[in-house]
PDB file of N, CA and C in Angstrom:
ATOM      1  N   MET A   1       0.839  -1.178   0.000  1.00  0.00           N
ATOM      2  CA  MET A   1       0.000   0.000   0.000  1.00  0.00           C
ATOM      3  C   MET A   1       0.883   1.240   0.000  1.00  0.00           C
ATOM      4  N   ASP A   2       0.526   2.197  -0.812  1.00  0.00           N
ATOM      5  CA  ASP A   2       1.304   3.433  -0.840  1.00  0.00           C
ATOM      6  C   ASP A   2       0.819   4.376   0.270  1.00  0.00           C
ATOM      7  N   PRO A   3       1.631   5.390   0.615  1.00  0.00           N
ATOM      8  CA  PRO A   3       1.304   6.286   1.735  1.00  0.00           C
ATOM      9  C   PRO A   3      -0.053   6.987   1.594  1.00  0.00           C
ATOM     10  N   PHE A   4      -0.427   7.366   0.382  1.00  0.00           N
ATOM     11  CA  PHE A   4      -1.712   8.042   0.194  1.00  0.00           C
ATOM     12  C   PHE A   4      -2.857   7.162   0.674  1.00  0.00           C
ATOM     13  N   HIS A   5      -2.841   5.890   0.277  1.00  0.00           N
ATOM     14  CA  HIS A   5      -3.933   5.004   0.642  1.00  0.00           C
ATOM     15  C   HIS A   5      -3.927   4.659   2.129  1.00  0.00           C
ATOM     16  N   VAL A   6      -2.773   4.634   2.742  1.00  0.00           N
ATOM     17  CA  VAL A   6      -2.691   4.403   4.190  1.00  0.00           C
ATOM     18  C   VAL A   6      -3.343   5.564   4.939  1.00  0.00           C
ATOM     19  N   VAL A   7      -3.016   6.786   4.542  1.00  0.00           N
ATOM     20  CA  VAL A   7      -3.603   7.973   5.180  1.00  0.00           C
ATOM     21  C   VAL A   7      -5.103   8.015   4.928  1.00  0.00           C
ATOM     22  N   HIS A   8      -5.520   7.697   3.712  1.00  0.00           N
ATOM     23  CA  HIS A   8      -6.944   7.694   3.373  1.00  0.00           C
ATOM     24  C   HIS A   8      -7.706   6.679   4.235  1.00  0.00           C
ATOM     25  N   LEU A   9      -7.145   5.492   4.393  1.00  0.00           N
ATOM     26  CA  LEU A   9      -7.775   4.458   5.208  1.00  0.00           C
ATOM     27  C   LEU A   9      -7.858   4.877   6.675  1.00  0.00           C
ATOM     28  N   ALA A  10      -6.788   5.475   7.190  1.00  0.00           N
ATOM     29  CA  ALA A  10      -6.789   5.942   8.582  1.00  0.00           C
ATOM     30  C   ALA A  10      -7.834   7.034   8.793  1.00  0.00           C
ATOM     31  N   ALA A  11      -7.940   7.965   7.850  1.00  0.00           N
ATOM     32  CA  ALA A  11      -8.927   9.045   7.955  1.00  0.00           C
ATOM     33  C   ALA A  11     -10.345   8.491   7.902  1.00  0.00           C
ATOM     34  N   GLU A  12     -10.558   7.504   7.057  1.00  0.00           N
ATOM     35  CA  GLU A  12     -11.879   6.885   6.950  1.00  0.00           C
ATOM     36  C   GLU A  12     -12.269   6.193   8.259  1.00  0.00           C
ATOM     37  N   LYS A  13     -11.328   5.479   8.857  1.00  0.00           N
ATOM     38  CA  LYS A  13     -11.604   4.785  10.122  1.00  0.00           C
ATOM     39  C   LYS A  13     -11.826   5.774  11.267  1.00  0.00           C
ATOM     40  N   LEU A  14     -11.080   6.869  11.270  1.00  0.00           N
ATOM     41  CA  LEU A  14     -11.273   7.906  12.285  1.00  0.00           C
ATOM     42  C   LEU A  14     -12.665   8.521  12.160  1.00  0.00           C
ATOM     43  N   THR A  15     -13.105   8.761  10.936  1.00  0.00           N
ATOM     44  CA  THR A  15     -14.435   9.320  10.702  1.00  0.00           C
ATOM     45  C   THR A  15     -15.517   8.346  11.166  1.00  0.00           C
ATOM     46  N   LEU A  16     -15.360   7.066  10.851  1.00  0.00           N
ATOM     47  CA  LEU A  16     -16.343   6.071  11.288  1.00  0.00           C
ATOM     48  C   LEU A  16     -16.410   5.985  12.811  1.00  0.00           C
ATOM     49  N   CYS A  17     -15.270   6.048  13.458  1.00  0.00           N
ATOM     50  CA  CYS A  17     -15.219   6.022  14.920  1.00  0.00           C
ATOM     51  C   CYS A  17     -15.909   7.253  15.505  1.00  0.00           C
ATOM     52  N   ARG A  18     -15.617   8.427  14.947  1.00  0.00           N
ATOM     53  CA  ARG A  18     -16.231   9.662  15.422  1.00  0.00           C
ATOM     54  C   ARG A  18     -17.747   9.597  15.257  1.00  0.00           C
ATOM     55  N   GLN A  19     -18.205   9.088  14.109  1.00  0.00           N
ATOM     56  CA  GLN A  19     -19.641   8.982  13.863  1.00  0.00           C
ATOM     57  C   GLN A  19     -20.302   8.008  14.835  1.00  0.00           C
ATOM     58  N   ARG A  20     -19.626   6.889  15.111  1.00  0.00           N
ATOM     59  CA  ARG A  20     -20.173   5.899  16.038  1.00  0.00           C
ATOM     60  C   ARG A  20     -20.291   6.474  17.452  1.00  0.00           C
ATOM     61  N   VAL A  21     -19.261   7.190  17.897  1.00  0.00           N
ATOM     62  CA  VAL A  21     -19.300   7.811  19.226  1.00  0.00           C
ATOM     63  C   VAL A  21     -20.390   8.875  19.271  1.00  0.00           C
ATOM     64  N   GLN A  22     -20.504   9.673  18.221  1.00  0.00           N
ATOM     65  CA  GLN A  22     -21.536  10.718  18.147  1.00  0.00           C
ATOM     66  C   GLN A  22     -22.924  10.093  18.266  1.00  0.00           C
ATOM     67  N   GLN A  23     -23.156   9.027  17.505  1.00  0.00           N
ATOM     68  CA  GLN A  23     -24.464   8.375  17.511  1.00  0.00           C
ATOM     69  C   GLN A  23     -24.760   7.743  18.873  1.00  0.00           C
ATOM     70  N   ALA A  24     -23.751   7.118  19.477  1.00  0.00           N
ATOM     71  CA  ALA A  24     -23.958   6.439  20.761  1.00  0.00           C
ATOM     72  C   ALA A  24     -24.193   7.422  21.903  1.00  0.00           C
ATOM     73  N   THR A  25     -23.518   8.564  21.883  1.00  0.00           N
ATOM     74  CA  THR A  25     -23.629   9.497  23.001  1.00  0.00           C
ATOM     75  C   THR A  25     -24.754  10.499  22.837  1.00  0.00           C
ATOM     76  N   ARG A  26     -25.028  10.908  21.615  1.00  0.00           N
ATOM     77  CA  ARG A  26     -26.054  11.927  21.388  1.00  0.00           C
ATOM     78  C   ARG A  26     -27.341  11.377  20.791  1.00  0.00           C
ATOM     79  N   GLY A  27     -27.264  10.198  20.176  1.00  0.00           N
ATOM     80  CA  GLY A  27     -28.453   9.602  19.584  1.00  0.00           C
ATOM     81  C   GLY A  27     -28.830  10.183  18.237  1.00  0.00           C
ATOM     82  N   HIS A  28     -27.948  10.972  17.656  1.00  0.00           N
ATOM     83  CA  HIS A  28     -28.220  11.553  16.342  1.00  0.00           C
ATOM     84  C   HIS A  28     -26.913  11.931  15.670  1.00  0.00           C
ATOM     85  N   ARG A  29     -27.019  12.294  14.403  1.00  0.00           N
ATOM     86  CA  ARG A  29     -25.844  12.755  13.667  1.00  0.00           C
ATOM     87  C   ARG A  29     -25.349  14.062  14.256  1.00  0.00           C
ATOM     88  N   GLY A  30     -24.126  14.420  13.860  1.00  0.00           N
ATOM     89  CA  GLY A  30     -23.541  15.663  14.352  1.00  0.00           C
ATOM     90  C   GLY A  30     -24.355  16.879  13.968  1.00  0.00           C
ATOM     91  N   ARG A  31     -24.510  17.778  14.906  1.00  0.00           N
ATOM     92  CA  ARG A  31     -25.221  19.037  14.674  1.00  0.00           C
ATOM     93  C   ARG A  31     -24.350  20.177  15.153  1.00  0.00           C
ATOM     94  N   VAL A  32     -24.655  21.355  14.690  1.00  0.00           N
ATOM     95  CA  VAL A  32     -23.899  22.532  15.110  1.00  0.00           C
ATOM     96  C   VAL A  32     -23.948  22.627  16.627  1.00  0.00           C
ATOM     97  N   GLY A  33     -22.795  22.798  17.225  1.00  0.00           N
ATOM     98  CA  GLY A  33     -22.718  22.895  18.674  1.00  0.00           C
ATOM     99  C   GLY A  33     -22.294  21.609  19.360  1.00  0.00           C
ATOM    100  N   ASP A  34     -22.409  20.470  18.669  1.00  0.00           N
ATOM    101  CA  ASP A  34     -21.942  19.212  19.251  1.00  0.00           C
ATOM    102  C   ASP A  34     -20.416  19.190  19.241  1.00  0.00           C
ATOM    103  N   PRO A  35     -19.802  18.709  20.321  1.00  0.00           N
ATOM    104  CA  PRO A  35     -18.338  18.738  20.408  1.00  0.00           C
ATOM    105  C   PRO A  35     -17.638  17.988  19.276  1.00  0.00           C
ATOM    106  N   LEU A  36     -18.122  16.807  18.940  1.00  0.00           N
ATOM    107  CA  LEU A  36     -17.460  16.028  17.891  1.00  0.00           C
ATOM    108  C   LEU A  36     -17.664  16.633  16.514  1.00  0.00           C
ATOM    109  N   ASP A  37     -18.811  17.218  16.273  1.00  0.00           N
ATOM    110  CA  ASP A  37     -19.037  17.844  14.976  1.00  0.00           C
ATOM    111  C   ASP A  37     -18.163  19.079  14.823  1.00  0.00           C
ATOM    112  N   GLY A  38     -17.913  19.768  15.915  1.00  0.00           N
ATOM    113  CA  GLY A  38     -17.100  20.978  15.864  1.00  0.00           C
ATOM    114  C   GLY A  38     -15.632  20.723  15.578  1.00  0.00           C
ATOM    115  N   ILE A  39     -15.170  19.504  15.851  1.00  0.00           N
ATOM    116  CA  ILE A  39     -13.748  19.213  15.633  1.00  0.00           C
ATOM    117  C   ILE A  39     -13.526  18.214  14.502  1.00  0.00           C
ATOM    118  N   ARG A  40     -14.559  17.910  13.730  1.00  0.00           N
ATOM    119  CA  ARG A  40     -14.413  16.846  12.735  1.00  0.00           C
ATOM    120  C   ARG A  40     -13.354  17.158  11.694  1.00  0.00           C
ATOM    121  N   ARG A  41     -13.271  18.380  11.195  1.00  0.00           N
ATOM    122  CA  ARG A  41     -12.237  18.733  10.211  1.00  0.00           C
ATOM    123  C   ARG A  41     -10.869  18.867  10.880  1.00  0.00           C
ATOM    124  N   ILE A  42     -10.859  19.307  12.111  1.00  0.00           N
ATOM    125  CA  ILE A  42      -9.596  19.465  12.835  1.00  0.00           C
ATOM    126  C   ILE A  42      -8.937  18.103  13.047  1.00  0.00           C
ATOM    127  N   LEU A  43      -9.742  17.063  13.316  1.00  0.00           N
ATOM    128  CA  LEU A  43      -9.194  15.728  13.528  1.00  0.00           C
ATOM    129  C   LEU A  43      -8.460  15.200  12.301  1.00  0.00           C
ATOM    130  N   LEU A  44      -8.878  15.646  11.124  1.00  0.00           N
ATOM    131  CA  LEU A  44      -8.283  15.153   9.882  1.00  0.00           C
ATOM    132  C   LEU A  44      -7.161  16.046   9.363  1.00  0.00           C
ATOM    133  N   THR A  45      -6.824  17.092  10.086  1.00  0.00           N
ATOM    134  CA  THR A  45      -5.788  18.030   9.663  1.00  0.00           C
ATOM    135  C   THR A  45      -4.470  17.700  10.353  1.00  0.00           C
ATOM    136  N   ARG A  46      -3.396  17.752   9.585  1.00  0.00           N
ATOM    137  CA  ARG A  46      -2.068  17.483  10.143  1.00  0.00           C
ATOM    138  C   ARG A  46      -1.749  18.503  11.229  1.00  0.00           C
ATOM    139  N   ASN A  47      -1.142  18.055  12.299  1.00  0.00           N
ATOM    140  CA  ASN A  47      -0.869  18.902  13.457  1.00  0.00           C
ATOM    141  C   ASN A  47      -0.090  20.159  13.083  1.00  0.00           C
ATOM    142  N   GLY A  48       0.856  20.044  12.178  1.00  0.00           N
ATOM    143  CA  GLY A  48       1.668  21.191  11.783  1.00  0.00           C
ATOM    144  C   GLY A  48       0.883  22.271  11.063  1.00  0.00           C
ATOM    145  N   LEU A  49      -0.292  21.935  10.546  1.00  0.00           N
ATOM    146  CA  LEU A  49      -1.113  22.900   9.820  1.00  0.00           C
ATOM    147  C   LEU A  49      -2.203  23.536  10.680  1.00  0.00           C
ATOM    148  N   LEU A  50      -2.345  23.069  11.913  1.00  0.00           N
ATOM    149  CA  LEU A  50      -3.380  23.617  12.791  1.00  0.00           C
ATOM    150  C   LEU A  50      -2.979  24.991  13.317  1.00  0.00           C
ATOM    151  N   THR A  51      -3.955  25.884  13.385  1.00  0.00           N
ATOM    152  CA  THR A  51      -3.717  27.188  13.992  1.00  0.00           C
ATOM    153  C   THR A  51      -3.805  27.037  15.510  1.00  0.00           C
ATOM    154  N   ASP A  52      -3.387  28.057  16.223  1.00  0.00           N
ATOM    155  CA  ASP A  52      -3.476  28.018  17.685  1.00  0.00           C
ATOM    156  C   ASP A  52      -4.926  27.891  18.136  1.00  0.00           C
ATOM    157  N   LYS A  53      -5.827  28.560  17.439  1.00  0.00           N
ATOM    158  CA  LYS A  53      -7.249  28.503  17.777  1.00  0.00           C
ATOM    159  C   LYS A  53      -7.786  27.074  17.595  1.00  0.00           C
ATOM    160  N   GLN A  54      -7.374  26.405  16.513  1.00  0.00           N
ATOM    161  CA  GLN A  54      -7.814  25.035  16.278  1.00  0.00           C
ATOM    162  C   GLN A  54      -7.240  24.079  17.323  1.00  0.00           C
ATOM    163  N   LYS A  55      -5.986  24.282  17.697  1.00  0.00           N
ATOM    164  CA  LYS A  55      -5.370  23.445  18.730  1.00  0.00           C
ATOM    165  C   LYS A  55      -6.095  23.604  20.060  1.00  0.00           C
ATOM    166  N   ASP A  56      -6.470  24.834  20.393  1.00  0.00           N
ATOM    167  CA  ASP A  56      -7.213  25.080  21.629  1.00  0.00           C
ATOM    168  C   ASP A  56      -8.586  24.421  21.584  1.00  0.00           C
ATOM    169  N   LYS A  57      -9.257  24.510  20.439  1.00  0.00           N
ATOM    170  CA  LYS A  57     -10.581  23.916  20.283  1.00  0.00           C
ATOM    171  C   LYS A  57     -10.511  22.394  20.418  1.00  0.00           C
ATOM    172  N   LEU A  58      -9.482  21.794  19.834  1.00  0.00           N
ATOM    173  CA  LEU A  58      -9.288  20.352  19.931  1.00  0.00           C
ATOM    174  C   LEU A  58      -9.002  19.938  21.373  1.00  0.00           C
ATOM    175  N   ALA A  59      -8.123  20.669  22.030  1.00  0.00           N
ATOM    176  CA  ALA A  59      -7.786  20.362  23.423  1.00  0.00           C
ATOM    177  C   ALA A  59      -9.009  20.507  24.323  1.00  0.00           C
ATOM    178  N   THR A  60      -9.809  21.526  24.095  1.00  0.00           N
ATOM    179  CA  THR A  60     -11.018  21.740  24.886  1.00  0.00           C
ATOM    180  C   THR A  60     -12.005  20.593  24.692  1.00  0.00           C
ATOM    181  N   ALA A  61     -12.179  20.148  23.455  1.00  0.00           N
ATOM    182  CA  ALA A  61     -13.117  19.054  23.181  1.00  0.00           C
ATOM    183  C   ALA A  61     -12.634  17.744  23.789  1.00  0.00           C
ATOM    184  N   LEU A  62     -11.336  17.488  23.707  1.00  0.00           N
ATOM    185  CA  LEU A  62     -10.806  16.230  24.230  1.00  0.00           C
ATOM    186  C   LEU A  62     -10.745  16.212  25.748  1.00  0.00           C
ATOM    187  N   ASP A  63     -10.662  17.376  26.377  1.00  0.00           N
ATOM    188  CA  ASP A  63     -10.601  17.465  27.834  1.00  0.00           C
ATOM    189  C   ASP A  63     -11.912  17.957  28.433  1.00  0.00           C
ATOM    190  N   GLY A  64     -12.978  17.922  27.649  1.00  0.00           N
ATOM    191  CA  GLY A  64     -14.252  18.463  28.090  1.00  0.00           C
ATOM    192  C   GLY A  64     -14.797  17.780  29.327  1.00  0.00           C
ATOM    193  N   GLU A  65     -15.563  18.512  30.100  1.00  0.00           N
ATOM    194  CA  GLU A  65     -16.127  17.993  31.345  1.00  0.00           C
ATOM    195  C   GLU A  65     -17.187  16.926  31.106  1.00  0.00           C
ATOM    196  N   ASP A  66     -17.853  16.966  29.942  1.00  0.00           N
ATOM    197  CA  ASP A  66     -18.904  15.981  29.695  1.00  0.00           C
ATOM    198  C   ASP A  66     -18.349  14.599  29.373  1.00  0.00           C
ATOM    199  N   GLY A  67     -17.057  14.511  29.100  1.00  0.00           N
ATOM    200  CA  GLY A  67     -16.418  13.219  28.890  1.00  0.00           C
ATOM    201  C   GLY A  67     -16.693  12.571  27.550  1.00  0.00           C
ATOM    202  N   ILE A  68     -17.406  13.253  26.682  1.00  0.00           N
ATOM    203  CA  ILE A  68     -17.772  12.663  25.399  1.00  0.00           C
ATOM    204  C   ILE A  68     -16.550  12.404  24.533  1.00  0.00           C
ATOM    205  N   CYS A  69     -15.635  13.333  24.529  1.00  0.00           N
ATOM    206  CA  CYS A  69     -14.508  13.247  23.601  1.00  0.00           C
ATOM    207  C   CYS A  69     -13.204  12.864  24.276  1.00  0.00           C
ATOM    208  N   ARG A  70     -13.249  12.380  25.472  1.00  0.00           N
ATOM    209  CA  ARG A  70     -11.997  12.061  26.172  1.00  0.00           C
ATOM    210  C   ARG A  70     -11.356  10.819  25.592  1.00  0.00           C
ATOM    211  N   TRP A  71     -10.034  10.857  25.521  1.00  0.00           N
ATOM    212  CA  TRP A  71      -9.274   9.673  25.128  1.00  0.00           C
ATOM    213  C   TRP A  71      -9.219   8.749  26.331  1.00  0.00           C
ATOM    214  N   ARG A  72      -9.322   7.477  26.093  1.00  0.00           N
ATOM    215  CA  ARG A  72      -9.255   6.512  27.196  1.00  0.00           C
ATOM    216  C   ARG A  72      -8.120   5.571  26.977  1.00  0.00           C
TER     217      ARG A  72
END
């Protein structure tokens, strides 16, 4: 497999995981204001290309008090 297809496959699996968590925790697809919907494009962006505002938004979502987006 070439690098493009590896990255594409990883992004696809990350999206499926995000959608599954969104559906399980909220009971519906992502909507404006939902933590996972707000960071969906940020999750697929290379870290070196993120702005400070995007990094803060990602950190806030992953460390949120509601626990929806926490890494385990």
